[in-house]
Amino acid sequence: MSFPAVRSALSPTGRSFMLTYLLAAGTANVLWEIAQLPLYTIWKSATKGELAFAVVHCTIGDLMILAATLMLALLLVGDAAWPRRGFARVAMAATALGAAFTIFSEWRNIEVLENWAYAAAMPRLPLLDTGLSPFLQWVLIPPFVLFALRRLRFRPGPG
């Protein structure tokens, strides 16, 4: 079985694009993780060291999710000429996969494992009861960064 989109992603151009994506989206995610800390109970119960560990831990997880969802999107809907062709399809699939994983992960870690808890200030998605902040993190950051990088990296030339 051949996966031309993955081969394209692993080409020098694709690799450079993906590494830049992970760096830019990872930076945005670390800032988001810090900003949303007050929406979790850890904000009031943890030491500064524990908060720092939580941010680092969550950011490493975010990087893993960013890489995995982009690669899975490439496998599912990618084009052999990605990132020059089939870009929107891959970006939408990666975003949907990230959002779906977030809904599952928030439910599992809050309801099943009780690894963390929302503070009263956390707005929730109706029906799902997932925190709005982590959900928005995954429907805003990946597509914004992907499309911004594509625009910067693959601008049409003059003439």
Protein backbone atom coordinates (compact mmCIF):
# COMPACT_ATOMS: atom_id res chain seq x y z
CA MET A 1 0.00 0.00 0.00
CA SER A 2 1.38 3.39 -1.00
CA PHE A 3 0.84 6.63 0.88
CA PRO A 4 1.97 9.36 -1.54
CA ALA A 5 0.74 12.22 0.69
CA VAL A 6 2.88 10.95 3.55
CA ARG A 7 5.86 10.61 1.22
CA SER A 8 5.25 14.18 0.10
CA ALA A 9 5.01 15.33 3.75
CA LEU A 10 8.35 13.65 4.44
CA SER A 11 10.06 15.29 1.44
CA PRO A 12 12.39 18.20 2.29
CA THR A 13 9.65 20.77 1.54
CA GLY A 14 6.99 18.81 3.41
CA ARG A 15 9.27 18.14 6.38
CA SER A 16 10.22 21.79 6.63
CA PHE A 17 6.55 22.77 6.49
CA MET A 18 5.58 20.22 9.15
CA LEU A 19 8.40 21.20 11.52
CA THR A 20 7.51 24.87 11.14
CA TYR A 21 3.86 23.97 11.79
CA LEU A 22 4.76 22.07 14.95
CA LEU A 23 6.94 24.92 16.19
CA ALA A 24 4.34 27.64 15.48
CA ALA A 25 1.33 25.63 16.68
CA GLY A 26 3.29 24.38 19.69
CA THR A 27 4.11 27.96 20.65
CA ALA A 28 0.46 28.96 20.30
CA ASN A 29 -0.58 25.94 22.36
CA VAL A 30 1.81 26.69 25.23
CA LEU A 31 0.42 30.22 25.40
CA TRP A 32 -3.15 28.85 25.31
CA GLU A 33 -2.33 26.32 28.05
CA ILE A 34 -1.04 29.11 30.28
CA ALA A 35 -4.02 31.36 29.54
CA GLN A 36 -6.60 28.66 30.31
CA LEU A 37 -5.07 27.53 33.62
CA PRO A 38 -7.58 29.59 35.67
CA LEU A 39 -10.38 27.56 34.06
CA TYR A 40 -9.15 24.40 35.85
CA THR A 41 -9.17 23.68 39.58
CA ILE A 42 -5.39 23.20 39.53
CA TRP A 43 -5.09 27.00 39.30
CA LYS A 44 -6.07 27.35 42.96
CA SER A 45 -4.76 24.08 44.36
CA ALA A 46 -1.29 23.68 42.80
CA THR A 47 2.11 25.17 43.53
CA LYS A 48 3.91 27.23 40.87
CA GLY A 49 6.10 24.22 40.14
CA GLU A 50 3.07 21.97 39.66
CA LEU A 51 1.49 24.55 37.36
CA ALA A 52 4.70 24.76 35.32
CA PHE A 53 4.83 20.96 35.10
CA ALA A 54 1.18 20.87 33.98
CA VAL A 55 1.86 23.40 31.21
CA VAL A 56 4.94 21.49 29.98
CA HIS A 57 3.12 18.14 30.20
CA CYS A 58 0.08 19.43 28.33
CA THR A 59 2.20 21.15 25.69
CA ILE A 60 4.12 17.94 24.99
CA GLY A 61 0.77 16.20 24.62
CA ASP A 62 -0.41 19.00 22.31
CA LEU A 63 2.66 18.51 20.10
CA MET A 64 1.99 14.78 19.90
CA ILE A 65 -1.65 15.42 18.99
CA LEU A 66 -0.66 18.03 16.38
CA ALA A 67 1.76 15.61 14.70
CA ALA A 68 -0.56 12.59 14.91
CA THR A 69 -3.65 14.38 13.61
CA LEU A 70 -1.76 15.92 10.71
CA MET A 71 -0.22 12.58 9.71
CA LEU A 72 -3.57 10.78 10.04
CA ALA A 73 -5.25 13.50 7.97
CA LEU A 74 -2.56 13.03 5.31
CA LEU A 75 -3.19 9.27 5.31
CA LEU A 76 -6.96 9.72 5.04
CA VAL A 77 -7.37 12.61 2.60
CA GLY A 78 -3.89 13.76 1.56
CA ASP A 79 -2.67 14.44 -1.93
CA ALA A 80 0.71 13.41 -3.34
CA ALA A 81 1.53 17.08 -3.94
CA TRP A 82 0.74 18.17 -0.37
CA PRO A 83 1.21 20.86 0.92
CA ARG A 84 0.81 22.52 -2.48
CA ARG A 85 -2.37 20.60 -3.37
CA GLY A 86 -5.18 19.15 -1.27
CA PHE A 87 -4.25 21.49 1.53
CA ALA A 88 -7.72 22.56 2.73
CA ARG A 89 -8.92 18.94 2.92
CA VAL A 90 -5.95 17.96 5.08
CA ALA A 91 -6.28 21.05 7.30
CA MET A 92 -10.01 20.40 7.86
CA ALA A 93 -9.43 16.72 8.58
CA ALA A 94 -6.57 17.45 11.01
CA THR A 95 -8.75 20.03 12.78
CA ALA A 96 -11.71 17.65 13.03
CA LEU A 97 -9.48 14.86 14.33
CA GLY A 98 -7.93 17.18 16.93
CA ALA A 99 -11.35 18.39 18.09
CA ALA A 100 -12.70 14.83 18.31
CA PHE A 101 -9.67 13.68 20.28
CA THR A 102 -10.05 16.66 22.62
CA ILE A 103 -13.68 15.83 23.35
CA PHE A 104 -12.72 12.23 24.10
CA SER A 105 -9.64 13.17 26.15
CA GLU A 106 -11.43 15.79 28.25
CA TRP A 107 -14.23 13.32 29.01
CA ARG A 108 -11.79 10.52 29.84
CA ASN A 109 -9.52 12.64 32.03
CA ILE A 110 -12.32 14.46 33.85
CA GLU A 111 -15.08 11.87 34.16
CA VAL A 112 -13.29 8.52 34.07
CA LEU A 113 -9.74 9.02 35.38
CA GLU A 114 -10.41 12.22 37.34
CA ASN A 115 -6.93 13.51 36.42
CA TRP A 116 -8.16 17.10 36.37
CA ALA A 117 -11.32 19.11 36.89
CA TYR A 118 -12.87 22.24 35.48
CA ALA A 119 -13.24 25.31 37.65
CA ALA A 120 -16.68 26.89 37.83
CA ALA A 121 -15.43 29.56 35.39
CA MET A 122 -14.97 27.03 32.53
CA PRO A 123 -17.73 27.47 29.94
CA ARG A 124 -18.99 24.13 28.62
CA LEU A 125 -20.24 22.88 25.29
CA PRO A 126 -23.93 22.00 25.45
CA LEU A 127 -24.73 18.26 25.40
CA LEU A 128 -21.07 17.21 25.50
CA ASP A 129 -20.14 19.05 28.72
CA THR A 130 -16.62 19.48 27.31
CA GLY A 131 -14.81 22.65 28.28
CA LEU A 132 -15.15 25.36 25.66
CA SER A 133 -11.55 26.52 26.04
CA PRO A 134 -9.83 23.20 25.19
CA PHE A 135 -12.30 22.66 22.36
CA LEU A 136 -11.62 26.10 20.88
CA GLN A 137 -7.89 25.47 21.25
CA TRP A 138 -8.19 22.62 18.76
CA VAL A 139 -10.63 24.21 16.31
CA LEU A 140 -8.76 27.53 16.14
CA ILE A 141 -5.00 26.97 16.47
CA PRO A 142 -4.33 24.15 13.95
CA PRO A 143 -6.25 25.62 10.99
CA PHE A 144 -5.05 29.17 11.70
CA VAL A 145 -1.40 28.09 11.84
CA LEU A 146 -1.70 25.73 8.85
CA PHE A 147 -3.30 28.35 6.61
CA ALA A 148 -0.97 31.13 7.80
CA LEU A 149 2.08 28.99 7.07
CA ARG A 150 0.76 27.96 3.70
CA ARG A 151 0.19 31.58 2.82
CA LEU A 152 3.71 32.53 3.97
CA ARG A 153 5.50 29.54 2.43
CA PHE A 154 3.65 29.17 -0.87
CA ARG A 155 2.88 32.72 -1.95
CA PRO A 156 2.49 33.14 -5.66
CA GLY A 157 5.56 34.72 -7.22
CA PRO A 158 5.59 38.09 -8.99
CA GLY A 159 4.22 38.33 -12.50
